[in-house]
Amino acid sequence: MPPSDQECYDQSVSAVHNRLFFRMFQVGNALDRQSVKELGITTVQWATLGALSRPQALTGMAFSELADYLVVSRQSLDGVLKRLEREGHVERVVDPADRRAKKVVLLPAGRAFWGELQPRIYEFYRQAVERFRFDDKVTLLHYINRLNEGMSQIDLGRKADRET
């Protein structure tokens, strides 16, 4: 028995979804590889330094807040911070507002390192998107934001519970 129109549509949509998520996987891996090769830091180190260099993080960020902001596990962030601490870029200090919690602070050497990286980061960005028009970049950013929102709402357990 030949597949129905709906089954063909579902297979086509599934194939597009699979290709889309595989391409994102490839882009993430290419970014990881190129950041180490060209900048000498991992993408998580890059994102961590960038997060801590923002004006709103001038006095540091709570460890858990930083993990949530970066969307990484606490264990992964701990490993990254250990390396950045060894290199003298960041320090974990007791949070004065909650003595049980730790804040991650960007040290002057880390701020200087981040500043020195900026021209290379901007060139990295420029080369990566040089074939994009400005409107393409804005549109891509819009769709990545929408995809990120969708990812945050995934709950496979909830769907299974409704079907039973």
N, C-alpha and C. Protein backbone atom coordinates (compact mmCIF):
# COMPACT_ATOMS: atom_id res chain seq x y z
N MET A 1 0.84 -1.17 0.00
CA MET A 1 0.00 0.00 0.00
C MET A 1 0.89 1.24 0.00
N PRO A 2 0.69 2.16 -0.94
CA PRO A 2 1.52 3.36 -1.02
C PRO A 2 1.26 4.29 0.18
N PRO A 3 2.27 5.08 0.54
CA PRO A 3 2.08 6.00 1.68
C PRO A 3 1.05 7.07 1.34
N SER A 4 0.35 7.52 2.36
CA SER A 4 -0.64 8.57 2.17
C SER A 4 0.07 9.91 1.96
N ASP A 5 -0.72 10.90 1.51
CA ASP A 5 -0.16 12.25 1.34
C ASP A 5 0.37 12.77 2.68
N GLN A 6 -0.35 12.49 3.76
CA GLN A 6 0.07 12.96 5.09
C GLN A 6 1.38 12.28 5.49
N GLU A 7 1.52 11.00 5.23
CA GLU A 7 2.76 10.29 5.57
C GLU A 7 3.93 10.84 4.76
N CYS A 8 3.71 11.14 3.48
CA CYS A 8 4.77 11.73 2.65
C CYS A 8 5.15 13.10 3.18
N TYR A 9 4.12 13.90 3.55
CA TYR A 9 4.39 15.23 4.12
C TYR A 9 5.18 15.10 5.41
N ASP A 10 4.75 14.19 6.29
CA ASP A 10 5.45 13.99 7.57
C ASP A 10 6.90 13.58 7.35
N GLN A 11 7.14 12.71 6.37
CA GLN A 11 8.51 12.29 6.07
C GLN A 11 9.34 13.46 5.54
N SER A 12 8.74 14.28 4.69
CA SER A 12 9.45 15.44 4.15
C SER A 12 9.78 16.44 5.25
N VAL A 13 8.82 16.73 6.10
CA VAL A 13 9.04 17.67 7.21
C VAL A 13 10.09 17.11 8.15
N SER A 14 10.01 15.83 8.44
CA SER A 14 10.98 15.20 9.32
C SER A 14 12.38 15.27 8.73
N ALA A 15 12.49 15.08 7.42
CA ALA A 15 13.80 15.16 6.76
C ALA A 15 14.37 16.57 6.86
N VAL A 16 13.51 17.58 6.69
CA VAL A 16 13.97 18.96 6.81
C VAL A 16 14.40 19.25 8.25
N HIS A 17 13.61 18.80 9.21
CA HIS A 17 13.97 19.00 10.62
C HIS A 17 15.31 18.34 10.93
N ASN A 18 15.48 17.13 10.46
CA ASN A 18 16.72 16.40 10.70
C ASN A 18 17.90 17.16 10.09
N ARG A 19 17.74 17.62 8.88
CA ARG A 19 18.82 18.36 8.20
C ARG A 19 19.13 19.67 8.94
N LEU A 20 18.08 20.38 9.37
CA LEU A 20 18.25 21.64 10.08
C LEU A 20 19.05 21.43 11.37
N PHE A 21 18.64 20.45 12.18
CA PHE A 21 19.33 20.24 13.45
C PHE A 21 20.73 19.66 13.24
N PHE A 22 20.93 18.87 12.20
CA PHE A 22 22.28 18.38 11.90
C PHE A 22 23.18 19.53 11.47
N ARG A 23 22.67 20.45 10.67
CA ARG A 23 23.47 21.61 10.24
C ARG A 23 23.83 22.48 11.45
N MET A 24 22.90 22.64 12.40
CA MET A 24 23.23 23.40 13.61
C MET A 24 24.33 22.69 14.40
N PHE A 25 24.26 21.37 14.46
CA PHE A 25 25.30 20.58 15.12
C PHE A 25 26.65 20.84 14.44
N GLN A 26 26.66 20.83 13.11
CA GLN A 26 27.90 21.08 12.37
C GLN A 26 28.42 22.49 12.61
N VAL A 27 27.52 23.47 12.60
CA VAL A 27 27.94 24.86 12.83
C VAL A 27 28.54 25.00 14.22
N GLY A 28 27.91 24.39 15.22
CA GLY A 28 28.44 24.44 16.58
C GLY A 28 29.82 23.83 16.66
N ASN A 29 30.00 22.69 16.02
CA ASN A 29 31.32 22.04 16.03
C ASN A 29 32.35 22.85 15.27
N ALA A 30 31.95 23.45 14.15
CA ALA A 30 32.89 24.29 13.39
C ALA A 30 33.29 25.51 14.22
N LEU A 31 32.33 26.10 14.92
CA LEU A 31 32.63 27.23 15.79
C LEU A 31 33.61 26.80 16.89
N ASP A 32 33.36 25.66 17.50
CA ASP A 32 34.27 25.15 18.54
C ASP A 32 35.68 24.99 17.98
N ARG A 33 35.79 24.33 16.85
CA ARG A 33 37.09 24.05 16.24
C ARG A 33 37.82 25.33 15.85
N GLN A 34 37.10 26.23 15.18
CA GLN A 34 37.72 27.46 14.70
C GLN A 34 38.09 28.42 15.84
N SER A 35 37.30 28.44 16.90
CA SER A 35 37.64 29.35 18.01
C SER A 35 38.93 28.91 18.69
N VAL A 36 39.12 27.61 18.86
CA VAL A 36 40.38 27.14 19.45
C VAL A 36 41.54 27.40 18.50
N LYS A 37 41.33 27.10 17.22
CA LYS A 37 42.39 27.25 16.23
C LYS A 37 42.79 28.72 16.04
N GLU A 38 41.82 29.61 15.93
CA GLU A 38 42.10 31.00 15.58
C GLU A 38 42.25 31.94 16.78
N LEU A 39 41.55 31.63 17.88
CA LEU A 39 41.58 32.53 19.03
C LEU A 39 42.31 31.93 20.23
N GLY A 40 42.49 30.61 20.21
CA GLY A 40 43.19 29.96 21.32
C GLY A 40 42.34 29.74 22.55
N ILE A 41 41.02 29.91 22.42
CA ILE A 41 40.11 29.66 23.53
C ILE A 41 38.91 28.86 23.02
N THR A 42 38.28 28.13 23.94
CA THR A 42 37.08 27.38 23.57
C THR A 42 35.89 28.32 23.50
N THR A 43 34.82 27.86 22.90
CA THR A 43 33.62 28.69 22.80
C THR A 43 33.04 28.97 24.18
N VAL A 44 33.15 28.02 25.10
CA VAL A 44 32.60 28.26 26.44
C VAL A 44 33.47 29.28 27.19
N GLN A 45 34.78 29.22 27.00
CA GLN A 45 35.65 30.25 27.60
C GLN A 45 35.31 31.61 27.00
N TRP A 46 35.15 31.65 25.69
CA TRP A 46 34.80 32.87 24.98
C TRP A 46 33.51 33.46 25.53
N ALA A 47 32.48 32.62 25.63
CA ALA A 47 31.19 33.08 26.12
C ALA A 47 31.27 33.51 27.59
N THR A 48 32.05 32.81 28.38
CA THR A 48 32.19 33.14 29.80
C THR A 48 32.86 34.50 29.97
N LEU A 49 33.96 34.70 29.27
CA LEU A 49 34.65 35.99 29.35
C LEU A 49 33.74 37.11 28.84
N GLY A 50 33.02 36.84 27.77
CA GLY A 50 32.10 37.84 27.22
C GLY A 50 31.00 38.19 28.21
N ALA A 51 30.43 37.18 28.85
CA ALA A 51 29.35 37.41 29.83
C ALA A 51 29.86 38.24 31.00
N LEU A 52 31.06 37.91 31.48
CA LEU A 52 31.61 38.61 32.64
C LEU A 52 32.12 40.00 32.30
N SER A 53 32.35 40.29 31.03
CA SER A 53 32.87 41.61 30.63
C SER A 53 31.75 42.63 30.43
N ARG A 54 30.50 42.18 30.46
CA ARG A 54 29.37 43.10 30.26
C ARG A 54 29.28 44.08 31.43
N PRO A 55 28.82 45.30 31.17
CA PRO A 55 28.70 46.29 32.25
C PRO A 55 27.86 45.81 33.43
N GLN A 56 26.80 45.05 33.15
CA GLN A 56 25.94 44.59 34.24
C GLN A 56 26.60 43.50 35.09
N ALA A 57 27.76 42.99 34.67
CA ALA A 57 28.49 41.97 35.44
C ALA A 57 29.76 42.55 36.04
N LEU A 58 29.83 43.86 36.14
CA LEU A 58 31.04 44.53 36.63
C LEU A 58 31.47 44.01 38.00
N THR A 59 30.52 43.71 38.86
CA THR A 59 30.85 43.20 40.20
C THR A 59 30.79 41.68 40.24
N GLY A 60 30.67 41.04 39.08
CA GLY A 60 30.63 39.59 39.00
C GLY A 60 29.22 39.08 38.82
N MET A 61 29.14 37.77 38.66
CA MET A 61 27.85 37.09 38.51
C MET A 61 27.84 35.89 39.44
N ALA A 62 26.69 35.61 40.00
CA ALA A 62 26.54 34.39 40.79
C ALA A 62 26.84 33.20 39.89
N PHE A 63 27.50 32.19 40.44
CA PHE A 63 27.86 30.99 39.67
C PHE A 63 26.64 30.41 38.96
N SER A 64 25.54 30.23 39.69
CA SER A 64 24.34 29.62 39.09
C SER A 64 23.74 30.53 38.02
N GLU A 65 23.78 31.84 38.24
CA GLU A 65 23.27 32.79 37.25
C GLU A 65 24.11 32.71 35.97
N LEU A 66 25.42 32.59 36.12
CA LEU A 66 26.30 32.49 34.96
C LEU A 66 26.02 31.21 34.19
N ALA A 67 25.85 30.10 34.89
CA ALA A 67 25.55 28.81 34.23
C ALA A 67 24.23 28.92 33.46
N ASP A 68 23.22 29.53 34.08
CA ASP A 68 21.93 29.70 33.41
C ASP A 68 22.05 30.62 32.20
N TYR A 69 22.78 31.72 32.35
CA TYR A 69 22.96 32.68 31.26
C TYR A 69 23.63 32.02 30.06
N LEU A 70 24.64 31.20 30.32
CA LEU A 70 25.39 30.54 29.25
C LEU A 70 24.69 29.29 28.73
N VAL A 71 23.68 28.82 29.43
CA VAL A 71 22.97 27.59 29.13
C VAL A 71 23.96 26.41 29.09
N VAL A 72 24.73 26.29 30.15
CA VAL A 72 25.66 25.18 30.32
C VAL A 72 25.42 24.55 31.68
N SER A 73 25.86 23.32 31.83
CA SER A 73 25.70 22.66 33.12
C SER A 73 26.67 23.27 34.14
N ARG A 74 26.34 23.12 35.39
CA ARG A 74 27.21 23.62 36.45
C ARG A 74 28.56 22.91 36.40
N GLN A 75 28.54 21.61 36.09
CA GLN A 75 29.78 20.84 36.01
C GLN A 75 30.67 21.35 34.88
N SER A 76 30.07 21.62 33.73
CA SER A 76 30.84 22.14 32.59
C SER A 76 31.43 23.50 32.92
N LEU A 77 30.61 24.36 33.51
CA LEU A 77 31.08 25.70 33.87
C LEU A 77 32.20 25.61 34.90
N ASP A 78 32.08 24.71 35.84
CA ASP A 78 33.13 24.55 36.86
C ASP A 78 34.47 24.24 36.21
N GLY A 79 34.48 23.33 35.24
CA GLY A 79 35.73 22.99 34.56
C GLY A 79 36.31 24.18 33.80
N VAL A 80 35.45 24.94 33.14
CA VAL A 80 35.89 26.12 32.39
C VAL A 80 36.47 27.15 33.36
N LEU A 81 35.78 27.36 34.46
CA LEU A 81 36.24 28.35 35.43
C LEU A 81 37.57 27.95 36.06
N LYS A 82 37.77 26.67 36.29
CA LYS A 82 39.06 26.22 36.85
C LYS A 82 40.20 26.62 35.92
N ARG A 83 40.01 26.42 34.63
CA ARG A 83 41.06 26.78 33.68
C ARG A 83 41.26 28.30 33.64
N LEU A 84 40.15 29.05 33.59
CA LEU A 84 40.25 30.51 33.56
C LEU A 84 40.86 31.05 34.86
N GLU A 85 40.61 30.38 35.96
CA GLU A 85 41.23 30.78 37.24
C GLU A 85 42.73 30.52 37.20
N ARG A 86 43.13 29.35 36.70
CA ARG A 86 44.57 29.03 36.60
C ARG A 86 45.30 30.06 35.73
N GLU A 87 44.62 30.56 34.70
CA GLU A 87 45.22 31.54 33.80
C GLU A 87 45.14 32.97 34.35
N GLY A 88 44.50 33.14 35.52
CA GLY A 88 44.42 34.45 36.16
C GLY A 88 43.37 35.38 35.56
N HIS A 89 42.39 34.83 34.84
CA HIS A 89 41.37 35.65 34.19
C HIS A 89 40.15 35.90 35.07
N VAL A 90 39.79 34.92 35.88
CA VAL A 90 38.60 35.05 36.73
C VAL A 90 38.92 34.55 38.13
N GLU A 91 38.02 34.89 39.04
CA GLU A 91 38.15 34.41 40.42
C GLU A 91 36.75 34.19 40.96
N ARG A 92 36.62 33.13 41.77
CA ARG A 92 35.36 32.89 42.49
C ARG A 92 35.51 33.48 43.89
N VAL A 93 34.57 34.30 44.26
CA VAL A 93 34.62 34.95 45.57
C VAL A 93 33.28 34.74 46.28
N VAL A 94 33.30 34.87 47.59
CA VAL A 94 32.07 34.76 48.37
C VAL A 94 31.17 35.94 48.02
N ASP A 95 29.90 35.64 47.76
CA ASP A 95 28.92 36.68 47.44
C ASP A 95 28.57 37.42 48.73
N PRO A 96 28.83 38.73 48.79
CA PRO A 96 28.53 39.47 50.03
C PRO A 96 27.04 39.45 50.40
N ALA A 97 26.17 39.32 49.39
CA ALA A 97 24.73 39.29 49.65
C ALA A 97 24.26 37.93 50.17
N ASP A 98 25.00 36.88 49.88
CA ASP A 98 24.66 35.52 50.32
C ASP A 98 25.96 34.77 50.55
N ARG A 99 26.41 34.73 51.77
CA ARG A 99 27.72 34.17 52.11
C ARG A 99 27.86 32.70 51.72
N ARG A 100 26.75 32.02 51.44
CA ARG A 100 26.82 30.61 51.02
C ARG A 100 27.11 30.47 49.54
N ALA A 101 26.86 31.53 48.79
CA ALA A 101 27.00 31.49 47.33
C ALA A 101 28.34 32.08 46.90
N LYS A 102 28.74 31.69 45.69
CA LYS A 102 29.97 32.22 45.09
C LYS A 102 29.60 33.09 43.89
N LYS A 103 30.38 34.15 43.72
CA LYS A 103 30.28 34.99 42.54
C LYS A 103 31.53 34.77 41.70
N VAL A 104 31.38 34.88 40.41
CA VAL A 104 32.51 34.78 39.50
C VAL A 104 32.82 36.20 39.03
N VAL A 105 34.07 36.60 39.23
CA VAL A 105 34.49 37.96 38.92
C VAL A 105 35.58 37.93 37.85
N LEU A 106 35.45 38.80 36.87
CA LEU A 106 36.49 38.95 35.86
C LEU A 106 37.60 39.82 36.45
N LEU A 107 38.80 39.27 36.51
CA LEU A 107 39.95 39.98 37.08
C LEU A 107 40.53 40.96 36.06
N PRO A 108 41.33 41.93 36.52
CA PRO A 108 41.94 42.88 35.57
C PRO A 108 42.71 42.19 34.44
N ALA A 109 43.42 41.10 34.76
CA ALA A 109 44.15 40.38 33.70
C ALA A 109 43.17 39.76 32.70
N GLY A 110 42.03 39.28 33.18
CA GLY A 110 41.00 38.73 32.29
C GLY A 110 40.38 39.79 31.42
N ARG A 111 40.14 40.96 32.02
CA ARG A 111 39.59 42.08 31.26
C ARG A 111 40.57 42.53 30.17
N ALA A 112 41.85 42.56 30.51
CA ALA A 112 42.88 42.94 29.52
C ALA A 112 42.95 41.90 28.42
N PHE A 113 42.94 40.62 28.80
CA PHE A 113 42.97 39.53 27.82
C PHE A 113 41.77 39.64 26.87
N TRP A 114 40.59 39.88 27.45
CA TRP A 114 39.37 40.03 26.65
C TRP A 114 39.50 41.21 25.70
N GLY A 115 40.03 42.30 26.19
CA GLY A 115 40.23 43.48 25.35
C GLY A 115 41.18 43.20 24.19
N GLU A 116 42.25 42.46 24.46
CA GLU A 116 43.21 42.11 23.41
C GLU A 116 42.60 41.19 22.37
N LEU A 117 41.64 40.37 22.77
CA LEU A 117 40.98 39.45 21.83
C LEU A 117 40.00 40.15 20.89
N GLN A 118 39.49 41.30 21.30
CA GLN A 118 38.40 41.93 20.56
C GLN A 118 38.67 42.14 19.07
N PRO A 119 39.81 42.66 18.65
CA PRO A 119 40.02 42.82 17.21
C PRO A 119 39.97 41.48 16.46
N ARG A 120 40.52 40.44 17.05
CA ARG A 120 40.49 39.12 16.40
C ARG A 120 39.08 38.54 16.39
N ILE A 121 38.32 38.79 17.45
CA ILE A 121 36.93 38.31 17.49
C ILE A 121 36.11 39.01 16.42
N TYR A 122 36.26 40.32 16.32
CA TYR A 122 35.51 41.05 15.30
C TYR A 122 35.88 40.57 13.89
N GLU A 123 37.14 40.28 13.65
CA GLU A 123 37.56 39.77 12.35
C GLU A 123 37.02 38.35 12.13
N PHE A 124 37.00 37.56 13.17
CA PHE A 124 36.41 36.21 13.12
C PHE A 124 34.95 36.32 12.66
N TYR A 125 34.20 37.19 13.35
CA TYR A 125 32.79 37.41 12.97
C TYR A 125 32.69 37.87 11.52
N ARG A 126 33.49 38.85 11.15
CA ARG A 126 33.41 39.44 9.81
C ARG A 126 33.61 38.37 8.74
N GLN A 127 34.64 37.55 8.93
CA GLN A 127 34.91 36.52 7.93
C GLN A 127 33.82 35.46 7.89
N ALA A 128 33.28 35.12 9.05
CA ALA A 128 32.25 34.07 9.10
C ALA A 128 30.97 34.48 8.37
N VAL A 129 30.63 35.76 8.41
CA VAL A 129 29.36 36.20 7.83
C VAL A 129 29.55 37.17 6.66
N GLU A 130 30.74 37.15 6.04
CA GLU A 130 31.00 38.12 4.98
C GLU A 130 30.10 37.96 3.77
N ARG A 131 29.52 36.80 3.57
CA ARG A 131 28.63 36.61 2.42
C ARG A 131 27.17 36.94 2.74
N PHE A 132 26.92 37.39 3.95
CA PHE A 132 25.56 37.75 4.36
C PHE A 132 25.35 39.24 4.16
N ARG A 133 24.18 39.60 3.69
CA ARG A 133 23.78 41.01 3.71
C ARG A 133 23.34 41.34 5.13
N PHE A 134 23.28 42.62 5.46
CA PHE A 134 22.85 43.03 6.80
C PHE A 134 21.48 42.45 7.14
N ASP A 135 20.54 42.55 6.20
CA ASP A 135 19.19 42.03 6.45
C ASP A 135 19.20 40.53 6.68
N ASP A 136 20.09 39.81 6.01
CA ASP A 136 20.22 38.36 6.23
C ASP A 136 20.63 38.08 7.67
N LYS A 137 21.56 38.87 8.17
CA LYS A 137 22.05 38.68 9.55
C LYS A 137 20.93 38.92 10.55
N VAL A 138 20.17 39.99 10.33
CA VAL A 138 19.06 40.31 11.24
C VAL A 138 18.01 39.20 11.19
N THR A 139 17.71 38.73 10.00
CA THR A 139 16.72 37.67 9.85
C THR A 139 17.20 36.38 10.50
N LEU A 140 18.46 36.03 10.28
CA LEU A 140 19.00 34.83 10.91
C LEU A 140 18.94 34.93 12.42
N LEU A 141 19.31 36.08 12.96
CA LEU A 141 19.25 36.29 14.40
C LEU A 141 17.81 36.12 14.91
N HIS A 142 16.86 36.67 14.18
CA HIS A 142 15.44 36.53 14.55
C HIS A 142 15.05 35.05 14.62
N TYR A 143 15.40 34.29 13.60
CA TYR A 143 15.01 32.88 13.58
C TYR A 143 15.78 32.05 14.62
N ILE A 144 17.01 32.39 14.87
CA ILE A 144 17.75 31.69 15.93
C ILE A 144 17.10 31.97 17.28
N ASN A 145 16.68 33.21 17.51
CA ASN A 145 15.98 33.54 18.75
C ASN A 145 14.69 32.74 18.88
N ARG A 146 13.94 32.64 17.79
CA ARG A 146 12.69 31.85 17.82
C ARG A 146 12.96 30.39 18.07
N LEU A 147 14.01 29.87 17.45
CA LEU A 147 14.37 28.47 17.66
C LEU A 147 14.80 28.25 19.12
N ASN A 148 15.56 29.17 19.66
CA ASN A 148 16.00 29.07 21.05
C ASN A 148 14.79 29.07 22.00
N GLU A 149 13.80 29.91 21.70
CA GLU A 149 12.56 29.92 22.49
C GLU A 149 11.86 28.57 22.40
N GLY A 150 11.79 28.03 21.19
CA GLY A 150 11.16 26.72 21.01
C GLY A 150 11.91 25.63 21.76
N MET A 151 13.24 25.70 21.73
CA MET A 151 14.05 24.70 22.43
C MET A 151 13.78 24.75 23.94
N SER A 152 13.59 25.95 24.47
CA SER A 152 13.37 26.09 25.91
C SER A 152 12.00 25.56 26.33
N GLN A 153 11.10 25.35 25.39
CA GLN A 153 9.75 24.89 25.72
C GLN A 153 9.56 23.39 25.46
N ILE A 154 10.60 22.71 25.02
CA ILE A 154 10.47 21.28 24.74
C ILE A 154 10.25 20.53 26.05
N ASP A 155 9.25 19.68 26.05
CA ASP A 155 8.97 18.81 27.19
C ASP A 155 8.32 17.55 26.65
N LEU A 156 9.13 16.58 26.28
CA LEU A 156 8.60 15.36 25.67
C LEU A 156 7.74 14.57 26.63
N GLY A 157 8.00 14.67 27.90
CA GLY A 157 7.19 13.99 28.91
C GLY A 157 5.78 14.52 28.97
N ARG A 158 5.63 15.83 28.82
CA ARG A 158 4.31 16.45 28.89
C ARG A 158 3.43 15.94 27.76
N LYS A 159 3.96 15.83 26.55
CA LYS A 159 3.18 15.36 25.41
C LYS A 159 2.75 13.92 25.63
N ALA A 160 3.65 13.08 26.10
CA ALA A 160 3.33 11.69 26.34
C ALA A 160 2.25 11.56 27.41
N ASP A 161 2.29 12.42 28.43
CA ASP A 161 1.29 12.38 29.50
C ASP A 161 -0.09 12.73 28.97
N ARG A 162 -0.20 13.68 28.04
CA ARG A 162 -1.49 14.09 27.50
C ARG A 162 -2.11 13.00 26.64
N GLU A 163 -1.26 12.19 26.02
CA GLU A 163 -1.78 11.17 25.10
C GLU A 163 -2.29 9.95 25.85
N THR A 164 -1.97 9.83 27.12
CA THR A 164 -2.44 8.66 27.86
C THR A 164 -3.67 8.94 28.66
